[in-house]
Amino acid sequence: MNFRIGHLASIAALAGLFSLAGSADASTITTLYNTGVDGSGNVLPNGTTPDPHYTLISVPSGSTTTRIITSAGGFPVPPYIGDNTTSRWIVPNNTPEGDNAPVGTYIFRTTFDLTGFDASTAKITGGWSTDNNGLDIKINGFSTGFTTPANQFALGFAAFAISGNFVAGLNTLDFIVNNAAGTTGNPVALRVEMTGEASPVPLPAAAWLLLSGLGGLGFIGRRRKAA
């Protein structure tokens, strides 16, 4: 009877270890980042190029490399909303125009990985700020319908929430920004703060069989030791 109890206890303990391993931070999409931060989520200094998690996949002309800007560089922060410890503004790294960029549409892209998560349960909530207006946020090419006015950069963050069109594995999130007015261009920028959650993929039956087998080995080991 004691061996039997020990056997069951081993299985339960191993199941607990598998559960902990599979659920540690499992509800958080850890590969989803704000603009202007490093891999640990710490904000980066003014002039850092490129942003490690955002790329420009489309521009009217000029540089497709991103650059981080803060109040340390002066204009346009302010009138852009000021620095914090959560995110930074990112702009095209145009030269010699500085922070001015050609008129037209800019698409800033970030990617994140849902490997190990159930994509149907994923959701992202957050806020974005833009100069000039935000035209759309797209998840894997699908429009979410979120937009911002031309002066959002001075107003703060506009909220958004995404709860569909996620896929298993790698996902793309595009923030589409319009740079309007002026004959020689003017600053264009993006700032994003967001978090994501998803449920982990359930442990397959084969893993439970493995747990049972490992528990049995533990039982045999204890029995031999007792003998």
C-alpha atoms as a PDB file:
ATOM      1  CA  MET A   1       0.000   0.000   0.000  1.00  0.00           C
ATOM      2  CA  ASN A   2       2.823   2.383   0.821  1.00  0.00           C
ATOM      3  CA  PHE A   3       4.478   1.642  -2.519  1.00  0.00           C
ATOM      4  CA  ARG A   4       1.195   2.327  -4.297  1.00  0.00           C
ATOM      5  CA  ILE A   5       0.767   5.627  -2.486  1.00  0.00           C
ATOM      6  CA  GLY A   6       4.365   6.537  -3.310  1.00  0.00           C
ATOM      7  CA  HIS A   7       3.763   5.667  -6.964  1.00  0.00           C
ATOM      8  CA  LEU A   8       0.732   7.933  -7.168  1.00  0.00           C
ATOM      9  CA  ALA A   9       2.578  10.669  -5.335  1.00  0.00           C
ATOM     10  CA  SER A  10       5.405  10.496  -7.892  1.00  0.00           C
ATOM     11  CA  ILE A  11       2.992  10.833 -10.780  1.00  0.00           C
ATOM     12  CA  ALA A  12       1.254  13.751  -9.091  1.00  0.00           C
ATOM     13  CA  ALA A  13       4.554  15.458  -8.387  1.00  0.00           C
ATOM     14  CA  LEU A  14       5.765  15.035 -11.962  1.00  0.00           C
ATOM     15  CA  ALA A  15       2.431  16.257 -13.300  1.00  0.00           C
ATOM     16  CA  GLY A  16       2.799  19.285 -11.103  1.00  0.00           C
ATOM     17  CA  LEU A  17       6.264  19.969 -12.505  1.00  0.00           C
ATOM     18  CA  PHE A  18       4.978  19.679 -16.073  1.00  0.00           C
ATOM     19  CA  SER A  19       2.097  21.984 -15.230  1.00  0.00           C
ATOM     20  CA  LEU A  20       4.398  24.572 -13.707  1.00  0.00           C
ATOM     21  CA  ALA A  21       6.781  24.370 -16.640  1.00  0.00           C
ATOM     22  CA  GLY A  22       3.953  24.827 -19.101  1.00  0.00           C
ATOM     23  CA  SER A  23       2.134  27.601 -17.263  1.00  0.00           C
ATOM     24  CA  ALA A  24       4.967  29.838 -16.005  1.00  0.00           C
ATOM     25  CA  ASP A  25       4.148  33.203 -17.581  1.00  0.00           C
ATOM     26  CA  ALA A  26       2.036  31.182 -20.025  1.00  0.00           C
ATOM     27  CA  SER A  27      -0.802  33.705 -20.001  1.00  0.00           C
ATOM     28  CA  THR A  28       1.540  36.485 -21.169  1.00  0.00           C
ATOM     29  CA  ILE A  29       2.769  36.792 -24.755  1.00  0.00           C
ATOM     30  CA  THR A  30       6.364  37.509 -23.814  1.00  0.00           C
ATOM     31  CA  THR A  31       7.526  38.262 -27.381  1.00  0.00           C
ATOM     32  CA  LEU A  32       5.248  41.303 -27.675  1.00  0.00           C
ATOM     33  CA  TYR A  33       7.065  44.617 -27.078  1.00  0.00           C
ATOM     34  CA  ASN A  34       6.325  48.318 -26.724  1.00  0.00           C
ATOM     35  CA  THR A  35       8.135  50.741 -29.002  1.00  0.00           C
ATOM     36  CA  GLY A  36      11.589  51.829 -27.882  1.00  0.00           C
ATOM     37  CA  VAL A  37      12.481  49.066 -25.425  1.00  0.00           C
ATOM     38  CA  ASP A  38      15.097  46.335 -25.194  1.00  0.00           C
ATOM     39  CA  GLY A  39      14.486  42.605 -24.810  1.00  0.00           C
ATOM     40  CA  SER A  40      13.807  43.036 -21.096  1.00  0.00           C
ATOM     41  CA  GLY A  41      11.296  45.847 -21.618  1.00  0.00           C
ATOM     42  CA  ASN A  42      13.672  48.612 -20.484  1.00  0.00           C
ATOM     43  CA  VAL A  43      13.406  51.889 -22.406  1.00  0.00           C
ATOM     44  CA  LEU A  44      16.320  52.760 -24.688  1.00  0.00           C
ATOM     45  CA  PRO A  45      18.113  56.124 -24.959  1.00  0.00           C
ATOM     46  CA  ASN A  46      17.575  58.873 -27.508  1.00  0.00           C
ATOM     47  CA  GLY A  47      19.149  58.145 -30.886  1.00  0.00           C
ATOM     48  CA  THR A  48      19.181  54.343 -30.568  1.00  0.00           C
ATOM     49  CA  THR A  49      18.851  52.811 -34.023  1.00  0.00           C
ATOM     50  CA  PRO A  50      17.174  50.640 -34.998  1.00  0.00           C
ATOM     51  CA  ASP A  51      14.363  49.833 -32.597  1.00  0.00           C
ATOM     52  CA  PRO A  52      15.077  46.145 -31.854  1.00  0.00           C
ATOM     53  CA  HIS A  53      11.461  45.053 -32.319  1.00  0.00           C
ATOM     54  CA  TYR A  54       9.955  47.369 -34.956  1.00  0.00           C
ATOM     55  CA  THR A  55      10.808  47.763 -38.631  1.00  0.00           C
ATOM     56  CA  LEU A  56       9.498  50.023 -41.386  1.00  0.00           C
ATOM     57  CA  ILE A  57       8.218  47.764 -44.156  1.00  0.00           C
ATOM     58  CA  SER A  58       6.885  50.611 -46.322  1.00  0.00           C
ATOM     59  CA  VAL A  59       7.793  54.306 -46.679  1.00  0.00           C
ATOM     60  CA  PRO A  60       7.110  56.937 -49.386  1.00  0.00           C
ATOM     61  CA  SER A  61      10.880  57.381 -49.787  1.00  0.00           C
ATOM     62  CA  GLY A  62      13.975  57.628 -47.615  1.00  0.00           C
ATOM     63  CA  SER A  63      15.165  55.399 -44.804  1.00  0.00           C
ATOM     64  CA  THR A  64      13.384  52.218 -43.727  1.00  0.00           C
ATOM     65  CA  THR A  65      15.450  52.056 -40.521  1.00  0.00           C
ATOM     66  CA  THR A  66      13.780  53.089 -37.271  1.00  0.00           C
ATOM     67  CA  ARG A  67      15.271  55.388 -34.643  1.00  0.00           C
ATOM     68  CA  ILE A  68      14.227  56.040 -31.042  1.00  0.00           C
ATOM     69  CA  ILE A  69      13.660  59.649 -29.935  1.00  0.00           C
ATOM     70  CA  THR A  70      13.138  61.149 -26.472  1.00  0.00           C
ATOM     71  CA  SER A  71      12.956  64.597 -24.911  1.00  0.00           C
ATOM     72  CA  ALA A  72      16.760  64.521 -24.689  1.00  0.00           C
ATOM     73  CA  GLY A  73      16.785  65.362 -28.396  1.00  0.00           C
ATOM     74  CA  GLY A  74      14.347  68.257 -28.049  1.00  0.00           C
ATOM     75  CA  PHE A  75      11.703  68.843 -30.743  1.00  0.00           C
ATOM     76  CA  PRO A  76       9.372  67.078 -31.456  1.00  0.00           C
ATOM     77  CA  VAL A  77       9.260  65.899 -27.816  1.00  0.00           C
ATOM     78  CA  PRO A  78       7.380  68.099 -26.876  1.00  0.00           C
ATOM     79  CA  PRO A  79       4.806  68.690 -28.405  1.00  0.00           C
ATOM     80  CA  TYR A  80       4.757  64.886 -28.479  1.00  0.00           C
ATOM     81  CA  ILE A  81       3.674  63.335 -25.175  1.00  0.00           C
ATOM     82  CA  GLY A  82       6.686  63.069 -22.878  1.00  0.00           C
ATOM     83  CA  ASP A  83       9.021  60.318 -21.795  1.00  0.00           C
ATOM     84  CA  ASN A  84       8.117  57.544 -19.364  1.00  0.00           C
ATOM     85  CA  THR A  85       9.641  54.241 -18.282  1.00  0.00           C
ATOM     86  CA  THR A  86       7.345  52.106 -20.444  1.00  0.00           C
ATOM     87  CA  SER A  87       7.863  53.139 -24.079  1.00  0.00           C
ATOM     88  CA  ARG A  88       9.571  55.577 -26.464  1.00  0.00           C
ATOM     89  CA  TRP A  89       8.701  57.305 -29.731  1.00  0.00           C
ATOM     90  CA  ILE A  90      10.129  55.780 -32.905  1.00  0.00           C
ATOM     91  CA  VAL A  91      10.690  57.581 -36.218  1.00  0.00           C
ATOM     92  CA  PRO A  92      12.259  56.838 -39.616  1.00  0.00           C
ATOM     93  CA  ASN A  93      16.011  57.352 -39.456  1.00  0.00           C
ATOM     94  CA  ASN A  94      16.028  59.859 -42.318  1.00  0.00           C
ATOM     95  CA  THR A  95      19.105  61.920 -43.110  1.00  0.00           C
ATOM     96  CA  PRO A  96      19.791  64.753 -43.632  1.00  0.00           C
ATOM     97  CA  GLU A  97      16.169  65.623 -42.868  1.00  0.00           C
ATOM     98  CA  GLY A  98      16.470  64.769 -39.186  1.00  0.00           C
ATOM     99  CA  ASP A  99      13.010  64.077 -37.811  1.00  0.00           C
ATOM    100  CA  ASN A 100      11.288  65.387 -40.954  1.00  0.00           C
ATOM    101  CA  ALA A 101      10.040  62.719 -43.313  1.00  0.00           C
ATOM    102  CA  PRO A 102       8.394  62.742 -46.749  1.00  0.00           C
ATOM    103  CA  VAL A 103       4.626  63.019 -47.033  1.00  0.00           C
ATOM    104  CA  GLY A 104       2.855  59.668 -47.399  1.00  0.00           C
ATOM    105  CA  THR A 105       2.085  56.385 -45.657  1.00  0.00           C
ATOM    106  CA  TYR A 106       4.438  54.583 -43.272  1.00  0.00           C
ATOM    107  CA  ILE A 107       3.960  51.014 -42.055  1.00  0.00           C
ATOM    108  CA  PHE A 108       5.699  50.079 -38.799  1.00  0.00           C
ATOM    109  CA  ARG A 109       5.771  46.313 -38.184  1.00  0.00           C
ATOM    110  CA  THR A 110       6.441  44.193 -35.123  1.00  0.00           C
ATOM    111  CA  THR A 111       6.275  40.402 -34.891  1.00  0.00           C
ATOM    112  CA  PHE A 112       5.518  38.034 -32.021  1.00  0.00           C
ATOM    113  CA  ASP A 113       5.428  34.284 -31.543  1.00  0.00           C
ATOM    114  CA  LEU A 114       2.448  32.255 -30.360  1.00  0.00           C
ATOM    115  CA  THR A 115       4.246  28.909 -30.405  1.00  0.00           C
ATOM    116  CA  GLY A 116       2.986  26.952 -27.391  1.00  0.00           C
ATOM    117  CA  PHE A 117      -0.179  29.066 -27.160  1.00  0.00           C
ATOM    118  CA  ASP A 118      -3.718  28.460 -28.407  1.00  0.00           C
ATOM    119  CA  ALA A 119      -3.986  31.218 -31.055  1.00  0.00           C
ATOM    120  CA  SER A 120      -7.786  31.237 -30.850  1.00  0.00           C
ATOM    121  CA  THR A 121      -7.567  32.535 -27.267  1.00  0.00           C
ATOM    122  CA  ALA A 122      -5.056  35.322 -27.923  1.00  0.00           C
ATOM    123  CA  LYS A 123      -5.842  38.973 -27.317  1.00  0.00           C
ATOM    124  CA  ILE A 124      -3.882  42.210 -27.268  1.00  0.00           C
ATOM    125  CA  THR A 125      -4.859  45.424 -25.523  1.00  0.00           C
ATOM    126  CA  GLY A 126      -3.009  48.708 -25.484  1.00  0.00           C
ATOM    127  CA  GLY A 127      -2.713  52.228 -26.787  1.00  0.00           C
ATOM    128  CA  TRP A 128      -1.005  53.970 -29.680  1.00  0.00           C
ATOM    129  CA  SER A 129      -0.065  57.537 -30.467  1.00  0.00           C
ATOM    130  CA  THR A 130       0.882  58.881 -33.873  1.00  0.00           C
ATOM    131  CA  ASP A 131       2.101  61.812 -35.947  1.00  0.00           C
ATOM    132  CA  ASN A 132       0.132  62.505 -38.057  1.00  0.00           C
ATOM    133  CA  ASN A 133      -2.974  60.305 -38.068  1.00  0.00           C
ATOM    134  CA  GLY A 134      -3.069  56.569 -37.647  1.00  0.00           C
ATOM    135  CA  LEU A 135      -4.812  54.888 -40.584  1.00  0.00           C
ATOM    136  CA  ASP A 136      -5.154  51.349 -39.245  1.00  0.00           C
ATOM    137  CA  ILE A 137      -3.697  48.540 -37.144  1.00  0.00           C
ATOM    138  CA  LYS A 138      -3.490  45.210 -38.968  1.00  0.00           C
ATOM    139  CA  ILE A 139      -3.031  41.779 -37.432  1.00  0.00           C
ATOM    140  CA  ASN A 140      -1.597  39.322 -39.973  1.00  0.00           C
ATOM    141  CA  GLY A 141      -2.868  41.592 -42.760  1.00  0.00           C
ATOM    142  CA  PHE A 142      -6.400  41.915 -41.369  1.00  0.00           C
ATOM    143  CA  SER A 143      -7.710  45.392 -40.557  1.00  0.00           C
ATOM    144  CA  THR A 144      -8.818  46.083 -36.987  1.00  0.00           C
ATOM    145  CA  GLY A 145     -10.376  49.440 -37.891  1.00  0.00           C
ATOM    146  CA  PHE A 146      -8.529  51.458 -35.257  1.00  0.00           C
ATOM    147  CA  THR A 147      -7.504  55.000 -36.257  1.00  0.00           C
ATOM    148  CA  THR A 148      -6.163  58.165 -34.628  1.00  0.00           C
ATOM    149  CA  PRO A 149      -6.569  61.888 -35.398  1.00  0.00           C
ATOM    150  CA  ALA A 150      -3.756  64.001 -36.809  1.00  0.00           C
ATOM    151  CA  ASN A 151      -2.902  65.537 -33.406  1.00  0.00           C
ATOM    152  CA  GLN A 152      -2.915  62.282 -31.401  1.00  0.00           C
ATOM    153  CA  PHE A 153       0.777  62.873 -30.594  1.00  0.00           C
ATOM    154  CA  ALA A 154      -0.244  65.663 -28.208  1.00  0.00           C
ATOM    155  CA  LEU A 155      -3.331  63.951 -26.788  1.00  0.00           C
ATOM    156  CA  GLY A 156      -1.802  60.768 -25.387  1.00  0.00           C
ATOM    157  CA  PHE A 157      -2.635  57.190 -26.283  1.00  0.00           C
ATOM    158  CA  ALA A 158      -5.690  55.996 -28.188  1.00  0.00           C
ATOM    159  CA  ALA A 159      -6.902  52.622 -26.914  1.00  0.00           C
ATOM    160  CA  PHE A 160      -7.121  49.503 -29.071  1.00  0.00           C
ATOM    161  CA  ALA A 161      -8.023  45.857 -28.484  1.00  0.00           C
ATOM    162  CA  ILE A 162      -7.422  42.908 -30.813  1.00  0.00           C
ATOM    163  CA  SER A 163      -9.094  39.536 -30.285  1.00  0.00           C
ATOM    164  CA  GLY A 164      -9.119  37.762 -33.640  1.00  0.00           C
ATOM    165  CA  ASN A 165      -7.115  36.690 -36.710  1.00  0.00           C
ATOM    166  CA  PHE A 166      -4.170  35.349 -34.687  1.00  0.00           C
ATOM    167  CA  VAL A 167      -2.305  32.317 -36.043  1.00  0.00           C
ATOM    168  CA  ALA A 168      -0.104  29.624 -34.546  1.00  0.00           C
ATOM    169  CA  GLY A 169       3.586  30.510 -34.594  1.00  0.00           C
ATOM    170  CA  LEU A 170       4.790  33.852 -35.947  1.00  0.00           C
ATOM    171  CA  ASN A 171       2.313  36.770 -36.129  1.00  0.00           C
ATOM    172  CA  THR A 172       2.686  40.272 -37.593  1.00  0.00           C
ATOM    173  CA  LEU A 173       1.242  43.498 -36.238  1.00  0.00           C
ATOM    174  CA  ASP A 174       1.318  46.553 -38.535  1.00  0.00           C
ATOM    175  CA  PHE A 175       0.767  50.138 -37.387  1.00  0.00           C
ATOM    176  CA  ILE A 176      -0.051  52.310 -40.408  1.00  0.00           C
ATOM    177  CA  VAL A 177       0.677  56.033 -40.032  1.00  0.00           C
ATOM    178  CA  ASN A 178       0.006  58.900 -42.434  1.00  0.00           C
ATOM    179  CA  ASN A 179       2.402  61.837 -42.751  1.00  0.00           C
ATOM    180  CA  ALA A 180       0.332  64.704 -44.118  1.00  0.00           C
ATOM    181  CA  ALA A 181       0.642  68.400 -44.966  1.00  0.00           C
ATOM    182  CA  GLY A 182       3.661  70.467 -45.872  1.00  0.00           C
ATOM    183  CA  THR A 183       5.604  70.487 -49.120  1.00  0.00           C
ATOM    184  CA  THR A 184       8.905  69.273 -47.671  1.00  0.00           C
ATOM    185  CA  GLY A 185       7.529  66.874 -45.094  1.00  0.00           C
ATOM    186  CA  ASN A 186       7.315  67.063 -41.344  1.00  0.00           C
ATOM    187  CA  PRO A 187       7.885  64.666 -38.424  1.00  0.00           C
ATOM    188  CA  VAL A 188       6.239  61.253 -38.564  1.00  0.00           C
ATOM    189  CA  ALA A 189       6.304  58.997 -35.519  1.00  0.00           C
ATOM    190  CA  LEU A 190       4.731  56.076 -33.674  1.00  0.00           C
ATOM    191  CA  ARG A 191       4.474  55.109 -30.044  1.00  0.00           C
ATOM    192  CA  VAL A 192       2.879  51.907 -28.758  1.00  0.00           C
ATOM    193  CA  GLU A 193       2.237  50.428 -25.326  1.00  0.00           C
ATOM    194  CA  MET A 194       0.517  47.042 -25.220  1.00  0.00           C
ATOM    195  CA  THR A 195       0.241  43.660 -23.548  1.00  0.00           C
ATOM    196  CA  GLY A 196      -0.954  40.311 -24.855  1.00  0.00           C
ATOM    197  CA  GLU A 197      -2.376  37.145 -23.364  1.00  0.00           C
ATOM    198  CA  ALA A 198      -3.204  33.651 -24.596  1.00  0.00           C
ATOM    199  CA  SER A 199      -3.944  30.256 -23.097  1.00  0.00           C
ATOM    200  CA  PRO A 200      -1.229  27.591 -23.352  1.00  0.00           C
ATOM    201  CA  VAL A 201      -1.727  24.630 -25.657  1.00  0.00           C
ATOM    202  CA  PRO A 202      -3.078  21.729 -23.521  1.00  0.00           C
ATOM    203  CA  LEU A 203      -0.591  19.017 -22.586  1.00  0.00           C
ATOM    204  CA  PRO A 204      -0.956  16.181 -25.153  1.00  0.00           C
ATOM    205  CA  ALA A 205      -1.934  12.665 -24.146  1.00  0.00           C
ATOM    206  CA  ALA A 206       1.547  11.381 -24.986  1.00  0.00           C
ATOM    207  CA  ALA A 207       3.023  13.646 -22.331  1.00  0.00           C
ATOM    208  CA  TRP A 208       0.676  12.241 -19.706  1.00  0.00           C
ATOM    209  CA  LEU A 209       1.750   8.724 -20.700  1.00  0.00           C
ATOM    210  CA  LEU A 210       5.352   9.825 -20.257  1.00  0.00           C
ATOM    211  CA  LEU A 211       4.503  11.165 -16.823  1.00  0.00           C
ATOM    212  CA  SER A 212       2.930   7.860 -15.914  1.00  0.00           C
ATOM    213  CA  GLY A 213       6.019   5.987 -17.109  1.00  0.00           C
ATOM    214  CA  LEU A 214       8.378   8.219 -15.169  1.00  0.00           C
ATOM    215  CA  GLY A 215       6.239   7.786 -12.104  1.00  0.00           C
ATOM    216  CA  GLY A 216       6.485   4.026 -12.532  1.00  0.00           C
ATOM    217  CA  LEU A 217      10.273   4.209 -12.747  1.00  0.00           C
ATOM    218  CA  GLY A 218      10.312   6.183  -9.522  1.00  0.00           C
ATOM    219  CA  PHE A 219       8.171   3.517  -7.889  1.00  0.00           C
ATOM    220  CA  ILE A 220      10.548   0.754  -9.033  1.00  0.00           C
ATOM    221  CA  GLY A 221      13.561   2.689  -7.786  1.00  0.00           C
ATOM    222  CA  ARG A 222      12.055   3.118  -4.344  1.00  0.00           C
ATOM    223  CA  ARG A 223      11.042  -0.539  -4.208  1.00  0.00           C
ATOM    224  CA  ARG A 224      14.591  -1.703  -5.013  1.00  0.00           C
ATOM    225  CA  LYS A 225      15.985   0.649  -2.409  1.00  0.00           C
ATOM    226  CA  ALA A 226      13.551  -0.694   0.173  1.00  0.00           C
ATOM    227  CA  ALA A 227      14.537  -4.249  -0.691  1.00  0.00           C
END
